[in-house]
């Protein structure tokens, strides 16, 4: 809460055409204080809390596993609930990589993550789907 708008003013989050209407934004900050994501919403549009929670869960999965999270995870159209392995940093790594993971090509490999992580992300998406009914 920022009833006097002091924090919003200090951070430059007031709309130019209004002295009191704040920018509707979500900042996702990691435990080290690093901003990992910023989402801006127009005044006319509400925030999607379940998508924000899915994003936080995806960032946590990335931090624990050093993987990339595909679009629409955990229901990605191509690899489902699996996550993307970062590309190899050298050509020497490629043969081992192709043996260790499922790959579409040497640069696009994927693997599973914990069922707990997948289930939690799915719960957020399920709530969104149910809210649309």
N, C-alpha and C. Protein backbone atom coordinates (compact mmCIF):
# COMPACT_ATOMS: atom_id res chain seq x y z
N UNK A 1 0.85 -1.19 0.00
CA UNK A 1 0.00 0.00 0.00
C UNK A 1 0.88 1.24 0.00
N UNK A 2 0.45 2.20 -0.75
CA UNK A 2 1.17 3.48 -0.88
C UNK A 2 0.13 4.61 -0.92
N UNK A 3 -0.60 4.83 0.21
CA UNK A 3 -1.74 5.75 0.17
C UNK A 3 -1.39 7.18 -0.22
N UNK A 4 -0.20 7.63 0.05
CA UNK A 4 0.19 9.00 -0.31
C UNK A 4 0.89 9.06 -1.66
N UNK A 5 1.16 7.92 -2.26
CA UNK A 5 1.79 7.89 -3.56
C UNK A 5 3.27 8.22 -3.55
N UNK A 6 3.89 8.17 -2.39
CA UNK A 6 5.31 8.53 -2.28
C UNK A 6 6.20 7.53 -3.01
N UNK A 7 5.93 6.25 -2.83
CA UNK A 7 6.74 5.22 -3.50
C UNK A 7 6.52 5.31 -5.01
N UNK A 8 5.25 5.43 -5.42
CA UNK A 8 4.94 5.53 -6.85
C UNK A 8 5.63 6.73 -7.48
N UNK A 9 5.63 7.85 -6.78
CA UNK A 9 6.29 9.05 -7.33
C UNK A 9 7.80 8.84 -7.43
N UNK A 10 8.39 8.28 -6.38
CA UNK A 10 9.83 8.06 -6.36
C UNK A 10 10.27 7.11 -7.47
N UNK A 11 9.44 6.12 -7.78
CA UNK A 11 9.78 5.14 -8.81
C UNK A 11 9.31 5.55 -10.20
N UNK A 12 8.69 6.73 -10.31
CA UNK A 12 8.22 7.20 -11.61
C UNK A 12 7.03 6.42 -12.13
N UNK A 13 6.14 6.02 -11.23
CA UNK A 13 5.01 5.18 -11.62
C UNK A 13 3.68 5.92 -11.63
N UNK A 14 3.71 7.23 -11.80
CA UNK A 14 2.48 8.00 -11.94
C UNK A 14 2.24 8.28 -13.41
N UNK A 15 0.99 8.15 -13.84
CA UNK A 15 0.64 8.47 -15.22
C UNK A 15 0.91 9.94 -15.48
N UNK A 16 1.44 10.25 -16.64
CA UNK A 16 1.78 11.64 -16.99
C UNK A 16 0.56 12.54 -16.95
N UNK A 17 -0.61 12.05 -17.35
CA UNK A 17 -1.80 12.87 -17.42
C UNK A 17 -2.54 12.95 -16.08
N UNK A 18 -2.03 12.31 -15.03
CA UNK A 18 -2.71 12.32 -13.74
C UNK A 18 -1.69 12.43 -12.62
N UNK A 19 -2.03 13.22 -11.62
CA UNK A 19 -1.12 13.38 -10.48
C UNK A 19 -1.30 12.27 -9.46
N UNK A 20 -2.38 11.48 -9.59
CA UNK A 20 -2.65 10.46 -8.58
C UNK A 20 -2.79 9.05 -9.12
N UNK A 21 -3.13 8.87 -10.39
CA UNK A 21 -3.32 7.52 -10.94
C UNK A 21 -1.97 6.86 -11.20
N UNK A 22 -1.75 5.76 -10.52
CA UNK A 22 -0.47 5.06 -10.70
C UNK A 22 -0.52 4.14 -11.91
N UNK A 23 0.66 3.86 -12.42
CA UNK A 23 0.80 2.87 -13.48
C UNK A 23 0.44 1.52 -12.86
N UNK A 24 -0.33 0.74 -13.58
CA UNK A 24 -0.70 -0.59 -13.08
C UNK A 24 0.37 -1.56 -13.57
N UNK A 25 1.27 -1.88 -12.67
CA UNK A 25 2.41 -2.71 -13.04
C UNK A 25 2.63 -3.78 -11.99
N UNK A 26 3.23 -4.87 -12.43
CA UNK A 26 3.65 -5.95 -11.54
C UNK A 26 5.15 -6.09 -11.72
N UNK A 27 5.87 -6.06 -10.61
CA UNK A 27 7.31 -6.27 -10.62
C UNK A 27 7.58 -7.59 -9.93
N UNK A 28 8.26 -8.49 -10.61
CA UNK A 28 8.66 -9.75 -9.99
C UNK A 28 10.14 -9.61 -9.66
N UNK A 29 10.44 -9.68 -8.36
CA UNK A 29 11.79 -9.45 -7.86
C UNK A 29 12.27 -10.73 -7.18
N UNK A 30 13.48 -11.16 -7.52
CA UNK A 30 13.98 -12.40 -6.93
C UNK A 30 14.54 -12.14 -5.52
N UNK A 31 14.91 -13.20 -4.78
CA UNK A 31 15.41 -13.02 -3.42
C UNK A 31 16.67 -12.16 -3.31
N UNK A 32 17.40 -12.00 -4.41
CA UNK A 32 18.60 -11.16 -4.40
C UNK A 32 18.29 -9.71 -4.72
N UNK A 33 17.01 -9.39 -4.95
CA UNK A 33 16.61 -8.03 -5.26
C UNK A 33 16.70 -7.67 -6.73
N UNK A 34 16.87 -8.67 -7.59
CA UNK A 34 16.97 -8.44 -9.03
C UNK A 34 15.57 -8.49 -9.65
N UNK A 35 15.22 -7.47 -10.41
CA UNK A 35 13.93 -7.47 -11.10
C UNK A 35 14.00 -8.48 -12.23
N UNK A 36 13.14 -9.49 -12.19
CA UNK A 36 13.14 -10.55 -13.19
C UNK A 36 12.08 -10.35 -14.26
N UNK A 37 11.01 -9.61 -13.92
CA UNK A 37 9.95 -9.35 -14.90
C UNK A 37 9.18 -8.11 -14.49
N UNK A 38 8.73 -7.37 -15.49
CA UNK A 38 7.86 -6.21 -15.28
C UNK A 38 6.69 -6.35 -16.25
N UNK A 39 5.50 -6.32 -15.72
CA UNK A 39 4.28 -6.40 -16.54
C UNK A 39 3.50 -5.11 -16.34
N UNK A 40 3.19 -4.41 -17.41
CA UNK A 40 2.40 -3.18 -17.34
C UNK A 40 0.99 -3.46 -17.85
N UNK A 41 0.01 -2.95 -17.15
CA UNK A 41 -1.39 -3.12 -17.52
C UNK A 41 -2.04 -1.76 -17.71
N UNK A 42 -2.88 -1.60 -18.73
CA UNK A 42 -3.62 -0.35 -18.86
C UNK A 42 -4.64 -0.23 -17.72
N UNK A 43 -5.03 1.00 -17.41
CA UNK A 43 -5.99 1.22 -16.33
C UNK A 43 -7.27 0.42 -16.52
N UNK A 44 -7.64 0.18 -17.76
CA UNK A 44 -8.90 -0.49 -18.07
C UNK A 44 -8.83 -2.02 -17.95
N UNK A 45 -7.66 -2.57 -17.70
CA UNK A 45 -7.49 -4.02 -17.74
C UNK A 45 -6.97 -4.55 -16.41
N UNK A 46 -7.65 -5.56 -15.89
CA UNK A 46 -7.21 -6.18 -14.65
C UNK A 46 -6.03 -7.12 -14.86
N UNK A 47 -5.36 -7.42 -13.78
CA UNK A 47 -4.21 -8.33 -13.84
C UNK A 47 -4.67 -9.78 -13.77
N UNK A 48 -3.91 -10.66 -14.39
CA UNK A 48 -4.19 -12.09 -14.36
C UNK A 48 -3.27 -12.71 -13.31
N UNK A 49 -3.77 -12.85 -12.10
CA UNK A 49 -2.95 -13.32 -10.98
C UNK A 49 -2.42 -14.73 -11.24
N UNK A 50 -3.23 -15.59 -11.83
CA UNK A 50 -2.76 -16.95 -12.08
C UNK A 50 -1.59 -16.97 -13.07
N UNK A 51 -1.61 -16.11 -14.07
CA UNK A 51 -0.49 -16.04 -15.01
C UNK A 51 0.75 -15.49 -14.31
N UNK A 52 0.55 -14.54 -13.41
CA UNK A 52 1.68 -14.01 -12.64
C UNK A 52 2.28 -15.12 -11.78
N UNK A 53 1.43 -15.91 -11.13
CA UNK A 53 1.92 -17.02 -10.31
C UNK A 53 2.62 -18.07 -11.17
N UNK A 54 2.09 -18.34 -12.37
CA UNK A 54 2.74 -19.29 -13.29
C UNK A 54 4.12 -18.77 -13.68
N UNK A 55 4.23 -17.46 -13.88
CA UNK A 55 5.52 -16.86 -14.23
C UNK A 55 6.51 -17.01 -13.07
N UNK A 56 6.05 -16.75 -11.85
CA UNK A 56 6.92 -16.91 -10.68
C UNK A 56 7.37 -18.36 -10.58
N UNK A 57 6.44 -19.31 -10.75
CA UNK A 57 6.79 -20.73 -10.69
C UNK A 57 7.81 -21.07 -11.78
N UNK A 58 7.61 -20.57 -12.99
CA UNK A 58 8.56 -20.81 -14.08
C UNK A 58 9.94 -20.27 -13.76
N UNK A 59 10.01 -19.08 -13.16
CA UNK A 59 11.30 -18.51 -12.78
C UNK A 59 11.96 -19.36 -11.69
N UNK A 60 11.17 -19.88 -10.75
CA UNK A 60 11.72 -20.75 -9.72
C UNK A 60 12.26 -22.05 -10.32
N UNK A 61 11.53 -22.62 -11.25
CA UNK A 61 11.99 -23.85 -11.93
C UNK A 61 13.29 -23.56 -12.67
N UNK A 62 13.35 -22.41 -13.34
CA UNK A 62 14.58 -22.03 -14.04
C UNK A 62 15.75 -21.94 -13.06
N UNK A 63 15.55 -21.27 -11.94
CA UNK A 63 16.64 -21.10 -10.97
C UNK A 63 17.13 -22.43 -10.43
N UNK A 64 16.22 -23.35 -10.14
CA UNK A 64 16.61 -24.65 -9.58
C UNK A 64 17.26 -25.56 -10.60
N UNK A 65 16.85 -25.45 -11.86
CA UNK A 65 17.27 -26.43 -12.87
C UNK A 65 18.11 -25.85 -14.01
N UNK A 66 18.24 -24.54 -14.07
CA UNK A 66 18.98 -23.87 -15.16
C UNK A 66 18.46 -24.30 -16.52
N UNK A 67 17.16 -24.19 -16.69
CA UNK A 67 16.48 -24.54 -17.93
C UNK A 67 15.65 -23.34 -18.39
N UNK A 68 15.19 -23.40 -19.62
CA UNK A 68 14.28 -22.38 -20.14
C UNK A 68 12.87 -22.95 -20.11
N UNK A 69 11.92 -22.08 -19.85
CA UNK A 69 10.52 -22.49 -19.76
C UNK A 69 9.84 -22.13 -21.08
N UNK A 70 9.26 -23.10 -21.78
CA UNK A 70 8.63 -22.80 -23.08
C UNK A 70 7.31 -22.06 -22.92
N UNK A 71 6.84 -21.49 -23.99
CA UNK A 71 5.54 -20.81 -24.00
C UNK A 71 4.45 -21.78 -23.56
N UNK A 72 3.49 -21.27 -22.83
CA UNK A 72 2.33 -22.03 -22.37
C UNK A 72 2.67 -23.20 -21.45
N UNK A 73 3.88 -23.21 -20.90
CA UNK A 73 4.26 -24.27 -19.97
C UNK A 73 3.29 -24.28 -18.80
N UNK A 74 2.86 -25.42 -18.35
CA UNK A 74 3.31 -26.77 -18.65
C UNK A 74 2.49 -27.47 -19.74
N UNK A 75 1.78 -26.72 -20.53
CA UNK A 75 0.98 -27.32 -21.60
C UNK A 75 1.49 -26.88 -22.97
N UNK A 76 2.80 -26.89 -23.14
CA UNK A 76 3.38 -26.48 -24.41
C UNK A 76 2.94 -27.43 -25.52
N UNK A 77 2.62 -26.88 -26.67
CA UNK A 77 2.10 -27.66 -27.79
C UNK A 77 3.12 -28.64 -28.36
N UNK A 78 4.40 -28.38 -28.18
CA UNK A 78 5.44 -29.22 -28.78
C UNK A 78 6.04 -30.21 -27.78
N UNK A 79 6.38 -29.73 -26.57
CA UNK A 79 7.07 -30.59 -25.62
C UNK A 79 6.30 -30.80 -24.32
N UNK A 80 5.05 -30.36 -24.28
CA UNK A 80 4.21 -30.61 -23.11
C UNK A 80 4.73 -29.95 -21.86
N UNK A 81 4.92 -30.76 -20.81
CA UNK A 81 5.35 -30.24 -19.52
C UNK A 81 6.87 -30.22 -19.37
N UNK A 82 7.57 -30.59 -20.39
CA UNK A 82 9.04 -30.63 -20.35
C UNK A 82 9.61 -29.22 -20.47
N UNK A 83 10.88 -29.08 -20.14
CA UNK A 83 11.56 -27.78 -20.21
C UNK A 83 12.73 -27.86 -21.17
N UNK A 84 13.20 -26.72 -21.61
CA UNK A 84 14.24 -26.66 -22.64
C UNK A 84 15.62 -26.54 -21.99
N UNK A 85 16.54 -27.35 -22.48
CA UNK A 85 17.92 -27.31 -22.01
C UNK A 85 18.64 -26.21 -22.79
N UNK A 86 19.40 -25.35 -22.09
CA UNK A 86 20.15 -24.32 -22.83
C UNK A 86 21.08 -24.96 -23.87
N UNK A 87 21.34 -24.27 -24.97
CA UNK A 87 22.20 -24.85 -26.01
C UNK A 87 23.61 -25.09 -25.49
N UNK A 88 24.33 -26.03 -26.11
CA UNK A 88 25.70 -26.31 -25.66
C UNK A 88 26.60 -25.11 -25.92
N UNK A 89 27.61 -24.98 -25.08
CA UNK A 89 28.53 -23.85 -25.25
C UNK A 89 29.71 -24.20 -26.16
N UNK A 90 29.92 -25.50 -26.41
CA UNK A 90 30.98 -25.92 -27.33
C UNK A 90 30.49 -27.07 -28.20
N UNK A 91 31.14 -27.28 -29.30
CA UNK A 91 30.80 -28.39 -30.19
C UNK A 91 31.11 -29.73 -29.54
N UNK A 92 32.06 -29.76 -28.63
CA UNK A 92 32.45 -30.99 -27.94
C UNK A 92 31.29 -31.54 -27.11
N UNK A 93 30.44 -30.66 -26.59
CA UNK A 93 29.31 -31.07 -25.74
C UNK A 93 28.17 -31.73 -26.53
N UNK A 94 28.12 -31.54 -27.81
CA UNK A 94 26.96 -31.98 -28.60
C UNK A 94 26.71 -33.48 -28.54
N UNK A 95 27.71 -34.36 -28.77
CA UNK A 95 27.41 -35.81 -28.75
C UNK A 95 26.84 -36.28 -27.41
N UNK A 96 27.40 -35.83 -26.31
CA UNK A 96 26.89 -36.23 -24.99
C UNK A 96 25.49 -35.70 -24.76
N UNK A 97 25.26 -34.50 -25.19
CA UNK A 97 23.94 -33.88 -25.07
C UNK A 97 22.89 -34.71 -25.81
N UNK A 98 23.21 -35.14 -27.02
CA UNK A 98 22.27 -35.92 -27.82
C UNK A 98 21.98 -37.29 -27.18
N UNK A 99 22.94 -37.82 -26.41
CA UNK A 99 22.73 -39.08 -25.70
C UNK A 99 21.93 -38.88 -24.41
N UNK A 100 22.08 -37.73 -23.77
CA UNK A 100 21.52 -37.50 -22.44
C UNK A 100 20.09 -37.00 -22.43
N UNK A 101 19.65 -36.35 -23.50
CA UNK A 101 18.33 -35.72 -23.51
C UNK A 101 17.56 -36.11 -24.75
N UNK A 102 16.26 -35.87 -24.72
CA UNK A 102 15.47 -35.96 -25.95
C UNK A 102 15.70 -34.67 -26.72
N UNK A 103 16.02 -34.78 -28.00
CA UNK A 103 16.35 -33.60 -28.80
C UNK A 103 15.65 -33.64 -30.16
N UNK A 104 15.25 -32.48 -30.61
CA UNK A 104 14.78 -32.33 -31.99
C UNK A 104 15.98 -32.11 -32.90
N UNK A 105 16.99 -31.50 -32.35
CA UNK A 105 18.26 -31.25 -33.03
C UNK A 105 19.27 -30.94 -31.94
N UNK A 106 20.54 -30.79 -32.26
CA UNK A 106 21.57 -30.57 -31.25
C UNK A 106 21.33 -29.32 -30.42
N UNK A 107 20.64 -28.36 -30.96
CA UNK A 107 20.44 -27.09 -30.27
C UNK A 107 19.10 -27.00 -29.55
N UNK A 108 18.22 -28.01 -29.71
CA UNK A 108 16.90 -27.96 -29.09
C UNK A 108 16.61 -29.28 -28.38
N UNK A 109 17.05 -29.34 -27.13
CA UNK A 109 16.84 -30.53 -26.31
C UNK A 109 15.94 -30.17 -25.13
N UNK A 110 15.27 -31.18 -24.60
CA UNK A 110 14.33 -30.92 -23.51
C UNK A 110 14.35 -32.09 -22.54
N UNK A 111 13.84 -31.82 -21.33
CA UNK A 111 13.80 -32.85 -20.30
C UNK A 111 12.64 -32.58 -19.35
N UNK A 112 12.40 -33.53 -18.47
CA UNK A 112 11.35 -33.40 -17.47
C UNK A 112 11.85 -32.58 -16.28
N UNK A 113 10.90 -32.02 -15.53
CA UNK A 113 11.17 -31.43 -14.23
C UNK A 113 10.27 -32.14 -13.23
N UNK A 114 10.39 -31.78 -11.97
CA UNK A 114 9.63 -32.49 -10.94
C UNK A 114 8.13 -32.39 -11.17
N UNK A 115 7.45 -33.47 -10.83
CA UNK A 115 5.98 -33.50 -10.95
C UNK A 115 5.35 -32.43 -10.07
N UNK A 116 5.96 -32.14 -8.94
CA UNK A 116 5.44 -31.10 -8.04
C UNK A 116 5.42 -29.74 -8.74
N UNK A 117 6.50 -29.39 -9.42
CA UNK A 117 6.56 -28.12 -10.14
C UNK A 117 5.50 -28.06 -11.24
N UNK A 118 5.36 -29.13 -11.98
CA UNK A 118 4.39 -29.18 -13.08
C UNK A 118 2.97 -29.07 -12.52
N UNK A 119 2.69 -29.83 -11.46
CA UNK A 119 1.34 -29.81 -10.88
C UNK A 119 0.96 -28.43 -10.36
N UNK A 120 1.91 -27.76 -9.73
CA UNK A 120 1.62 -26.42 -9.20
C UNK A 120 1.32 -25.45 -10.33
N UNK A 121 2.10 -25.49 -11.40
CA UNK A 121 1.84 -24.61 -12.55
C UNK A 121 0.50 -24.94 -13.19
N UNK A 122 0.17 -26.21 -13.26
CA UNK A 122 -1.13 -26.61 -13.85
C UNK A 122 -2.30 -26.12 -13.01
N UNK A 123 -2.13 -26.09 -11.69
CA UNK A 123 -3.21 -25.58 -10.83
C UNK A 123 -3.54 -24.14 -11.17
N UNK A 124 -2.51 -23.32 -11.43
CA UNK A 124 -2.76 -21.92 -11.79
C UNK A 124 -3.54 -21.84 -13.09
N UNK A 125 -3.14 -22.64 -14.08
CA UNK A 125 -3.83 -22.62 -15.37
C UNK A 125 -5.26 -23.15 -15.26
N UNK A 126 -5.46 -24.14 -14.40
CA UNK A 126 -6.80 -24.70 -14.22
C UNK A 126 -7.74 -23.65 -13.64
N UNK A 127 -7.25 -22.87 -12.68
CA UNK A 127 -8.08 -21.81 -12.10
C UNK A 127 -8.47 -20.80 -13.15
N UNK A 128 -7.56 -20.47 -14.05
CA UNK A 128 -7.87 -19.52 -15.12
C UNK A 128 -8.96 -20.10 -16.02
N UNK A 129 -8.83 -21.37 -16.40
CA UNK A 129 -9.82 -22.00 -17.27
C UNK A 129 -11.18 -22.06 -16.61
N UNK A 130 -11.22 -22.36 -15.33
CA UNK A 130 -12.49 -22.43 -14.61
C UNK A 130 -13.13 -21.06 -14.47
N UNK A 131 -12.32 -20.03 -14.31
CA UNK A 131 -12.85 -18.67 -14.18
C UNK A 131 -13.50 -18.20 -15.48
N UNK A 132 -13.06 -18.74 -16.61
CA UNK A 132 -13.61 -18.34 -17.91
C UNK A 132 -14.98 -18.94 -18.17
N UNK A 133 -15.35 -19.99 -17.42
CA UNK A 133 -16.63 -20.68 -17.65
C UNK A 133 -17.80 -19.85 -17.17
